[in-house]
Amino acid sequence: MKFEINFKKLKEAVGLVERITGKHMTLPVLSCVLIEADDNVAIFKATNLDIGVEISVPIKTTTKGVVAVPGHILSSFISQIQEDNQIVKVEVISGNLHIQANKSKGVIKTLPIEDFPTIPTVADATEMSFASEIFIKGLKSVWYSASVSSVKPELSSVYIYKDGDYIVFAATDSFRLAEKRIKVPLAVKINEILLPFKNIADVTRIIESMGENLKAKMGKNLISFEANGIYVVSRIIDGTFPDYKQIIPKGYVTEVITLKQDFLNALKISNIFSDKFNQVHMIVDPKGKIFEVQTKNSDIGENKTNIDAALTGEKMEINFNYKYIADCFQSIDADSISLQLSGINKPMVIRPISGDQTFMYLVMPMNR
């Protein structure tokens, strides 16, 4: 194998695929990037068996070939080379990969290619095209609410489905729930899928590199995205997401409207004095015009922070995990938020106060 490639394109391709590689005791080749050189195109491949990615890059081919090279070694070497516009010479000699840049030359030992898995394509698929922003925004808005444990795979995932003219993204770990609704043309079709939590960061990062328009295919066990020479495929979970709409309160008895930043600042202060359960005590007294957040730690001290807010409804004192509340602010662009409380042992619903009502966040209370 022998070819020449633009260094900037080489660096971008290796940077994307190398993140998918990982240590695997029984299949060492999974730590590798597979490079296939064909007629004036090189395909860089990587997989960890949950995600597979392929990136096609134009090259000047002298000799075709295939090689598997340890991803972290290749990426580390390339990331230290400067001069983005130079042409790099790549060649396999006596089983080693030689990379020649203007001022640097690397020789990297390779692994046998025979054990490298085939990156699957999605058969019997529902195919659709849409803006990449839809999936990026949808996943980023909710994925932190998914469970990090794989004991219940359906909770360790983001649930994606179509509801009228919206694609809905939802995630829950049973302590909190996030839902984001994004409007799409009615003609867009989508199967219900559960995208594994552990794949979302990599899938999102790769989609961000694809450009504006995606072509997606959804099958029974896989979902793939493709655009501009980049292809990524992810396993999806075979399971049933809980009917979360049943736990969303139909109404509320107390509402707090406050500035997002004021509330977040109060939570950050509370964090200093919170106990090992991250517990904060909220007091809402509409008649007394009091909205207060309290934390107490017998080893450190205690804190009370009053927050300016518009309050309506009944007086209420209730406890929450401050981290579960603070996590949702990354998904709210509005300056003001609404905290809707429906009872002592019932969840709090957080929504943005703006024209955009497509995001909803629910947090379960803590027992004192």
Protein backbone atom coordinates (compact mmCIF):
# COMPACT_ATOMS: atom_id res chain seq x y z
CA MET A 1 0.00 0.00 0.00
CA LYS A 2 1.30 3.42 -0.95
CA PHE A 3 -0.47 6.78 -1.30
CA GLU A 4 -0.24 10.54 -0.73
CA ILE A 5 -2.82 12.45 1.29
CA ASN A 6 -3.50 16.02 2.41
CA PHE A 7 -2.33 16.24 6.02
CA LYS A 8 -5.34 18.22 7.26
CA LYS A 9 -7.77 15.64 5.89
CA LEU A 10 -5.65 12.81 7.34
CA LYS A 11 -5.63 14.47 10.76
CA GLU A 12 -9.41 15.05 10.74
CA ALA A 13 -10.19 11.47 9.67
CA VAL A 14 -7.87 9.84 12.20
CA GLY A 15 -9.10 12.17 14.96
CA LEU A 16 -12.69 11.05 14.39
CA VAL A 17 -12.19 7.32 14.04
CA GLU A 18 -9.52 6.87 16.73
CA ARG A 19 -11.99 7.84 19.48
CA ILE A 20 -14.04 4.73 18.64
CA THR A 21 -11.12 2.34 19.17
CA GLY A 22 -10.47 0.81 22.57
CA LYS A 23 -8.68 -1.92 24.49
CA HIS A 24 -10.13 -5.37 23.99
CA MET A 25 -8.37 -8.32 25.61
CA THR A 26 -9.69 -11.04 23.30
CA LEU A 27 -9.69 -8.98 20.08
CA PRO A 28 -6.67 -6.64 20.03
CA VAL A 29 -7.43 -5.49 16.48
CA LEU A 30 -10.34 -3.42 17.89
CA SER A 31 -7.69 -0.99 19.17
CA CYS A 32 -6.73 -0.36 15.54
CA VAL A 33 -7.74 1.96 12.76
CA LEU A 34 -8.15 0.02 9.51
CA ILE A 35 -6.95 1.93 6.45
CA GLU A 36 -8.08 0.75 3.02
CA ALA A 37 -6.40 2.43 0.03
CA ASP A 38 -8.28 2.05 -3.24
CA ASP A 39 -8.49 4.05 -6.49
CA ASN A 40 -7.82 7.60 -5.26
CA VAL A 41 -9.74 7.14 -2.01
CA ALA A 42 -8.69 5.95 1.44
CA ILE A 43 -11.29 4.65 3.87
CA PHE A 44 -10.47 4.93 7.57
CA LYS A 45 -12.45 2.49 9.72
CA ALA A 46 -12.86 1.81 13.44
CA THR A 47 -15.32 -0.11 15.60
CA ASN A 48 -15.81 -1.16 19.21
CA LEU A 49 -18.66 -3.54 18.24
CA ASP A 50 -21.25 -1.05 19.52
CA ILE A 51 -20.36 1.71 17.06
CA GLY A 52 -18.68 1.54 13.67
CA VAL A 53 -17.39 4.48 11.64
CA GLU A 54 -15.99 4.86 8.13
CA ILE A 55 -14.50 8.04 6.65
CA SER A 56 -13.60 8.36 2.97
CA VAL A 57 -10.77 10.75 2.06
CA PRO A 58 -9.42 11.53 -1.43
CA ILE A 59 -5.81 10.43 -2.01
CA LYS A 60 -3.30 9.95 -4.79
CA THR A 61 -2.91 6.18 -4.96
CA THR A 62 0.27 4.46 -6.08
CA THR A 63 -0.48 0.99 -4.70
CA LYS A 64 -3.74 -0.32 -3.24
CA GLY A 65 -3.78 -2.14 0.08
CA VAL A 66 -5.22 -2.58 3.57
CA VAL A 67 -3.51 -2.14 6.93
CA ALA A 68 -4.52 -2.15 10.61
CA VAL A 69 -2.55 0.20 12.84
CA PRO A 70 -2.99 0.97 16.58
CA GLY A 71 -5.30 3.97 16.75
CA HIS A 72 -3.80 5.79 19.73
CA ILE A 73 -0.25 5.55 18.30
CA LEU A 74 -1.36 6.82 14.89
CA SER A 75 -3.41 9.65 16.38
CA SER A 76 -0.73 10.71 18.86
CA PHE A 77 1.92 10.89 16.14
CA ILE A 78 -0.24 12.80 13.66
CA SER A 79 -1.49 15.27 16.27
CA GLN A 80 2.09 16.44 16.91
CA ILE A 81 2.82 17.24 13.26
CA GLN A 82 2.42 20.87 12.22
CA GLU A 83 1.76 22.52 8.81
CA ASP A 84 -1.81 21.58 7.95
CA ASN A 85 -1.46 22.10 4.18
CA GLN A 86 1.41 19.69 3.54
CA ILE A 87 1.14 16.43 1.63
CA VAL A 88 1.90 13.29 3.62
CA LYS A 89 3.29 10.07 2.12
CA VAL A 90 1.92 6.82 3.55
CA GLU A 91 3.40 3.43 2.71
CA VAL A 92 3.48 -0.11 4.10
CA ILE A 93 6.98 -1.63 4.05
CA SER A 94 7.74 -5.06 5.55
CA GLY A 95 4.58 -5.03 7.63
CA ASN A 96 5.15 -1.56 9.09
CA LEU A 97 3.29 1.67 8.30
CA HIS A 98 5.64 4.47 7.24
CA ILE A 99 4.31 8.04 7.46
CA GLN A 100 6.51 10.74 5.92
CA ALA A 101 5.73 14.41 6.54
CA ASN A 102 7.97 17.37 5.75
CA LYS A 103 9.99 17.22 8.97
CA SER A 104 8.82 14.04 10.68
CA LYS A 105 8.79 10.38 9.81
CA GLY A 106 7.03 7.68 11.78
CA VAL A 107 7.20 3.91 11.51
CA ILE A 108 4.33 2.12 13.26
CA LYS A 109 4.00 -1.64 13.68
CA THR A 110 0.77 -3.09 12.30
CA LEU A 111 -1.59 -5.90 13.32
CA PRO A 112 -3.12 -8.67 11.16
CA ILE A 113 -6.21 -7.41 9.37
CA GLU A 114 -8.04 -10.76 9.23
CA ASP A 115 -9.72 -10.34 12.63
CA PHE A 116 -11.00 -6.80 12.00
CA PRO A 117 -14.83 -6.97 12.10
CA THR A 118 -17.00 -5.95 9.16
CA ILE A 119 -18.75 -2.67 9.88
CA PRO A 120 -22.43 -3.45 9.28
CA THR A 121 -24.87 -1.74 6.96
CA VAL A 122 -28.52 -1.37 7.91
CA ALA A 123 -30.76 -3.82 6.07
CA ASP A 124 -34.57 -3.64 5.79
CA ALA A 125 -34.32 -0.04 6.88
CA THR A 126 -36.55 2.99 7.13
CA GLU A 127 -34.62 5.66 5.24
CA MET A 128 -34.93 9.41 5.72
CA SER A 129 -33.10 12.67 5.22
CA PHE A 130 -33.11 15.64 7.60
CA ALA A 131 -30.93 18.39 9.08
CA SER A 132 -28.14 17.11 11.33
CA GLU A 133 -29.08 19.82 13.84
CA ILE A 134 -32.23 17.85 14.72
CA PHE A 135 -30.34 14.84 16.10
CA ILE A 136 -27.54 16.89 17.63
CA LYS A 137 -29.90 19.20 19.51
CA GLY A 138 -32.29 16.42 20.46
CA LEU A 139 -29.61 14.13 21.90
CA LYS A 140 -27.73 16.89 23.72
CA SER A 141 -30.95 18.16 25.29
CA VAL A 142 -31.77 14.90 27.10
CA TRP A 143 -28.95 12.35 27.14
CA TYR A 144 -27.57 13.34 30.58
CA SER A 145 -30.86 12.11 32.11
CA ALA A 146 -30.31 8.53 30.99
CA SER A 147 -29.07 5.95 33.48
CA VAL A 148 -25.34 5.22 33.43
CA SER A 149 -26.05 1.68 34.65
CA SER A 150 -26.73 -1.06 32.11
CA VAL A 151 -28.87 -3.10 34.53
CA LYS A 152 -31.99 -1.80 32.77
CA PRO A 153 -30.86 -1.16 29.17
CA GLU A 154 -34.07 0.70 28.28
CA LEU A 155 -33.23 3.33 30.93
CA SER A 156 -29.60 3.52 29.78
CA SER A 157 -30.71 4.99 26.45
CA VAL A 158 -32.38 7.88 24.69
CA TYR A 159 -35.86 7.10 23.38
CA ILE A 160 -36.52 8.62 19.95
CA TYR A 161 -39.93 8.56 18.28
CA LYS A 162 -42.29 10.52 16.04
CA ASP A 163 -45.33 12.30 17.48
CA GLY A 164 -47.32 14.14 14.82
CA ASP A 165 -45.00 16.69 13.27
CA TYR A 166 -42.39 16.37 16.03
CA ILE A 167 -39.43 14.07 16.62
CA VAL A 168 -39.34 13.47 20.36
CA PHE A 169 -36.20 12.67 22.38
CA ALA A 170 -36.66 11.41 25.94
CA ALA A 171 -34.39 9.99 28.64
CA THR A 172 -34.86 8.98 32.27
CA ASP A 173 -32.95 7.20 35.02
CA SER A 174 -36.16 6.98 37.13
CA PHE A 175 -35.06 9.95 39.31
CA ARG A 176 -35.45 12.59 36.58
CA LEU A 177 -36.77 12.82 33.04
CA ALA A 178 -35.92 15.09 30.12
CA GLU A 179 -38.00 15.48 26.96
CA LYS A 180 -37.18 17.54 23.87
CA ARG A 181 -39.58 17.94 20.94
CA ILE A 182 -38.28 19.15 17.55
CA LYS A 183 -40.63 20.03 14.73
CA VAL A 184 -40.02 18.28 11.39
CA PRO A 185 -41.98 17.98 8.14
CA LEU A 186 -44.86 15.52 8.37
CA ALA A 187 -43.29 13.51 5.53
CA VAL A 188 -40.32 12.56 7.74
CA LYS A 189 -40.79 9.01 9.00
CA ILE A 190 -38.97 7.50 11.92
CA ASN A 191 -39.16 4.22 13.81
CA GLU A 192 -39.20 4.17 17.59
CA ILE A 193 -35.65 3.45 18.73
CA LEU A 194 -33.59 3.28 21.91
CA LEU A 195 -30.08 4.67 21.31
CA PRO A 196 -27.61 3.42 23.98
CA PHE A 197 -26.36 6.08 26.38
CA LYS A 198 -22.73 4.95 26.05
CA ASN A 199 -22.82 5.54 22.27
CA ILE A 200 -24.38 9.00 22.28
CA ALA A 201 -21.28 11.16 22.86
CA ASP A 202 -19.43 9.50 19.96
CA VAL A 203 -22.44 9.45 17.63
CA THR A 204 -23.12 13.15 18.31
CA ARG A 205 -19.47 14.12 17.78
CA ILE A 206 -19.35 12.31 14.44
CA ILE A 207 -22.68 13.75 13.25
CA GLU A 208 -21.35 17.24 14.04
CA SER A 209 -18.58 16.61 11.50
CA MET A 210 -20.97 15.57 8.72
CA GLY A 211 -22.37 18.93 7.67
CA GLU A 212 -25.97 20.10 7.55
CA ASN A 213 -27.87 17.28 5.85
CA LEU A 214 -27.95 13.66 7.00
CA LYS A 215 -29.17 10.47 5.43
CA ALA A 216 -30.32 8.10 8.16
CA LYS A 217 -31.36 4.45 8.04
CA MET A 218 -33.17 2.73 10.88
CA GLY A 219 -33.41 -1.04 11.08
CA LYS A 220 -34.42 -3.47 13.79
CA ASN A 221 -31.07 -3.53 15.59
CA LEU A 222 -29.07 -0.70 14.00
CA ILE A 223 -29.25 2.97 13.07
CA SER A 224 -26.82 4.60 10.64
CA PHE A 225 -26.06 8.16 9.56
CA GLU A 226 -24.24 9.15 6.39
CA ALA A 227 -23.12 12.41 4.77
CA ASN A 228 -20.08 13.92 3.06
CA GLY A 229 -18.00 10.75 3.03
CA ILE A 230 -18.68 9.90 6.69
CA TYR A 231 -20.68 6.85 7.78
CA VAL A 232 -21.48 5.88 11.37
CA VAL A 233 -23.60 2.98 12.57
CA SER A 234 -24.74 2.26 16.11
CA ARG A 235 -26.37 -0.65 17.83
CA ILE A 236 -29.83 0.13 19.21
CA ILE A 237 -31.45 -1.47 22.24
CA ASP A 238 -34.19 -4.04 21.86
CA GLY A 239 -36.56 -3.06 24.65
CA THR A 240 -39.56 -0.98 25.67
CA PHE A 241 -39.14 2.50 27.10
CA PRO A 242 -41.40 3.18 30.10
CA ASP A 243 -44.67 5.05 29.47
CA TYR A 244 -43.25 8.20 31.02
CA LYS A 245 -46.25 10.39 30.20
CA GLN A 246 -48.12 8.73 33.08
CA ILE A 247 -45.83 10.37 35.65
CA ILE A 248 -46.01 13.90 34.22
CA PRO A 249 -48.37 15.88 36.50
CA LYS A 250 -51.54 17.12 34.82
CA GLY A 251 -51.41 20.34 36.83
CA TYR A 252 -49.62 22.04 39.73
CA VAL A 253 -50.48 23.74 43.02
CA THR A 254 -47.43 26.01 43.30
CA GLU A 255 -45.39 27.79 40.64
CA VAL A 256 -42.08 29.63 40.86
CA ILE A 257 -40.95 31.86 37.99
CA THR A 258 -37.36 33.02 38.36
CA LEU A 259 -34.24 33.86 36.41
CA LYS A 260 -32.33 30.73 35.40
CA GLN A 261 -28.96 32.20 36.36
CA ASP A 262 -30.16 33.34 39.82
CA PHE A 263 -31.44 29.84 40.58
CA LEU A 264 -28.27 28.21 39.22
CA ASN A 265 -26.06 30.50 41.32
CA ALA A 266 -28.05 29.55 44.42
CA LEU A 267 -27.60 25.86 43.64
CA LYS A 268 -23.84 26.34 43.20
CA ILE A 269 -23.63 27.91 46.65
CA SER A 270 -25.79 25.11 48.04
CA ASN A 271 -23.38 22.59 46.62
CA ILE A 272 -20.67 23.84 49.00
CA PHE A 273 -22.76 22.98 52.05
CA SER A 274 -24.74 19.98 50.81
CA ASP A 275 -24.63 16.54 52.38
CA LYS A 276 -23.47 13.30 50.77
CA PHE A 277 -26.89 12.94 49.13
CA ASN A 278 -26.62 16.35 47.37
CA GLN A 279 -29.84 17.32 49.11
CA VAL A 280 -31.27 20.84 48.95
CA HIS A 281 -34.33 22.01 50.86
CA MET A 282 -36.61 24.40 48.96
CA ILE A 283 -39.10 26.69 50.69
CA VAL A 284 -41.77 28.33 48.55
CA ASP A 285 -44.11 30.73 50.39
CA PRO A 286 -46.16 32.84 47.96
CA LYS A 287 -47.91 34.81 50.75
CA GLY A 288 -44.63 35.65 52.47
CA LYS A 289 -42.97 36.22 49.07
CA ILE A 290 -40.18 33.81 49.98
CA PHE A 291 -38.30 31.47 47.68
CA GLU A 292 -35.38 30.03 49.59
CA VAL A 293 -32.86 27.23 49.04
CA GLN A 294 -31.24 25.69 52.11
CA THR A 295 -28.46 23.13 52.59
CA LYS A 296 -26.89 21.73 55.72
CA ASN A 297 -23.90 19.51 56.39
CA SER A 298 -23.03 18.59 59.97
CA ASP A 299 -19.32 18.46 59.10
CA ILE A 300 -19.13 21.75 57.19
CA GLY A 301 -21.95 24.13 58.04
CA GLU A 302 -25.15 25.41 56.48
CA ASN A 303 -26.44 27.89 53.94
CA LYS A 304 -29.64 29.76 53.10
CA THR A 305 -30.05 31.65 49.84
CA ASN A 306 -33.09 33.77 48.99
CA ILE A 307 -33.94 34.08 45.30
CA ASP A 308 -36.06 36.75 43.63
CA ALA A 309 -39.09 35.11 42.03
CA ALA A 310 -42.76 35.46 41.11
CA LEU A 311 -44.65 32.97 43.29
CA THR A 312 -48.21 31.64 43.04
CA GLY A 313 -50.19 28.91 44.76
CA GLU A 314 -49.72 27.06 48.05
CA LYS A 315 -46.84 27.19 50.52
CA MET A 316 -44.54 24.20 50.13
CA GLU A 317 -41.31 22.80 51.54
CA ILE A 318 -39.66 20.04 49.53
CA ASN A 319 -36.24 18.39 49.03
CA PHE A 320 -34.36 17.63 45.81
CA ASN A 321 -30.99 16.42 44.62
CA TYR A 322 -29.42 19.72 43.49
CA LYS A 323 -27.34 17.99 40.79
CA TYR A 324 -30.44 16.60 39.11
CA ILE A 325 -31.89 20.12 38.94
CA ALA A 326 -28.71 21.83 37.74
CA ASP A 327 -28.12 19.33 34.91
CA CYS A 328 -31.11 20.55 32.91
CA PHE A 329 -29.95 24.16 32.54
CA GLN A 330 -27.65 23.18 29.66
CA SER A 331 -30.82 22.47 27.66
CA ILE A 332 -32.62 25.74 28.43
CA ASP A 333 -31.79 28.78 26.32
CA ALA A 334 -34.38 31.06 27.93
CA ASP A 335 -33.38 33.53 30.66
CA SER A 336 -36.36 32.65 32.87
CA ILE A 337 -37.71 29.31 34.03
CA SER A 338 -40.88 27.97 35.60
CA LEU A 339 -40.75 25.49 38.49
CA GLN A 340 -44.11 23.75 38.82
CA LEU A 341 -44.80 21.83 42.04
CA SER A 342 -47.81 19.53 42.31
CA GLY A 343 -47.38 18.21 45.86
CA ILE A 344 -44.95 17.14 48.59
CA ASN A 345 -44.21 13.68 47.22
CA LYS A 346 -44.78 14.50 43.58
CA PRO A 347 -42.28 15.51 40.89
CA MET A 348 -41.31 19.07 40.03
CA VAL A 349 -41.57 20.11 36.39
CA ILE A 350 -39.12 22.66 34.99
CA ARG A 351 -39.86 24.50 31.75
CA PRO A 352 -38.34 27.51 29.98
CA ILE A 353 -40.34 30.75 30.01
CA SER A 354 -40.18 31.71 26.35
CA GLY A 355 -41.89 31.10 23.04
CA ASP A 356 -40.08 27.73 22.84
CA GLN A 357 -42.05 25.24 24.92
CA THR A 358 -40.45 22.15 23.39
CA PHE A 359 -38.33 21.21 26.42
CA MET A 360 -39.64 19.70 29.65
CA TYR A 361 -37.71 18.40 32.64
CA LEU A 362 -39.07 16.47 35.59
CA VAL A 363 -37.31 15.81 38.91
CA MET A 364 -38.48 13.46 41.65
CA PRO A 365 -38.28 14.79 45.24
CA MET A 366 -36.12 13.29 47.98
CA ASN A 367 -37.37 12.07 51.35
CA ARG A 368 -35.88 14.17 54.11
